[in-house]
Protein backbone atom coordinates (compact mmCIF):
# COMPACT_ATOMS: atom_id res chain seq x y z
CA MET A 1 -30.99 11.55 6.59
CA GLU A 2 -30.19 10.13 9.96
CA VAL A 3 -27.96 7.15 10.60
CA GLY A 4 -29.28 5.03 13.42
CA ILE A 5 -27.34 3.09 16.00
CA LEU A 6 -27.90 -0.15 14.11
CA GLY A 7 -26.51 1.35 10.89
CA LEU A 8 -23.46 2.62 12.75
CA VAL A 9 -22.83 -0.79 14.34
CA ILE A 10 -23.18 -2.53 10.97
CA ALA A 11 -20.75 -0.08 9.37
CA ILE A 12 -18.17 -0.61 12.13
CA VAL A 13 -18.45 -4.40 12.07
CA SER A 14 -18.22 -4.55 8.27
CA GLY A 15 -15.19 -2.22 8.35
CA ILE A 16 -13.40 -4.41 10.88
CA GLY A 17 -14.28 -7.54 8.90
CA SER A 18 -13.01 -5.99 5.69
CA PHE A 19 -9.76 -4.98 7.37
CA ALA A 20 -9.22 -8.48 8.80
CA LEU A 21 -9.98 -10.16 5.46
CA GLY A 22 -7.58 -7.84 3.64
CA ARG A 23 -4.78 -8.56 6.10
CA TRP A 24 -5.34 -12.32 5.83
CA LEU A 25 -5.37 -12.30 2.02
CA SER A 26 -2.28 -10.09 1.75
CA LYS A 27 -0.40 -12.33 4.20
CA ARG A 28 -1.10 -15.37 2.01
CA ARG A 29 0.00 -13.47 -1.11
CA ARG A 30 3.25 -12.34 0.55
CA GLU A 31 4.00 -15.91 1.69
CA ASN A 32 3.39 -17.26 -1.82
CA LYS A 33 5.63 -14.62 -3.40
CA ALA A 34 8.40 -15.34 -0.87
CA HIS A 35 8.13 -19.07 -1.57
CA GLN A 36 8.33 -18.50 -5.33
CA ALA A 37 11.32 -16.19 -4.94
CA ARG A 38 13.10 -18.74 -2.73
CA ALA A 39 12.40 -21.52 -5.24
CA ALA A 40 13.67 -19.39 -8.14
CA GLU A 41 16.82 -18.51 -6.20
CA GLN A 42 17.53 -22.14 -5.37
CA ALA A 43 16.91 -23.20 -8.97
CA SER A 44 19.55 -20.78 -10.18
CA GLN A 45 22.21 -22.01 -7.75
CA SER A 46 25.09 -24.11 -8.96
CA ARG A 47 25.25 -27.81 -8.19
CA GLN A 48 28.03 -27.25 -5.65
CA VAL A 49 26.06 -24.62 -3.73
CA ARG A 50 22.92 -26.77 -3.83
CA ARG A 51 24.77 -29.82 -2.45
CA ALA A 52 26.36 -27.75 0.33
CA ARG A 53 22.94 -26.43 1.36
CA GLU A 54 21.49 -29.95 1.35
CA ARG A 55 24.35 -31.19 3.57
CA GLN A 56 23.72 -28.35 6.04
CA GLN A 57 20.04 -29.19 6.19
CA GLN A 58 20.83 -32.85 6.87
CA ARG A 59 23.13 -31.90 9.74
CA ARG A 60 20.38 -29.81 11.35
CA ARG A 61 17.98 -32.76 11.42
């Protein structure tokens, strides 16, 4: 059983494509988890803390 040049090229290209797709999908998943964690943290804050954060954001704009 001999692997030709074409088979080797196809294997390399598919490996690189698989790697790139995996990185892209995991990046999206990490961003979504971070957003959910941030939203959960802000939801648990007291009214005073929430208002202070909103005032700081308005000053930055």
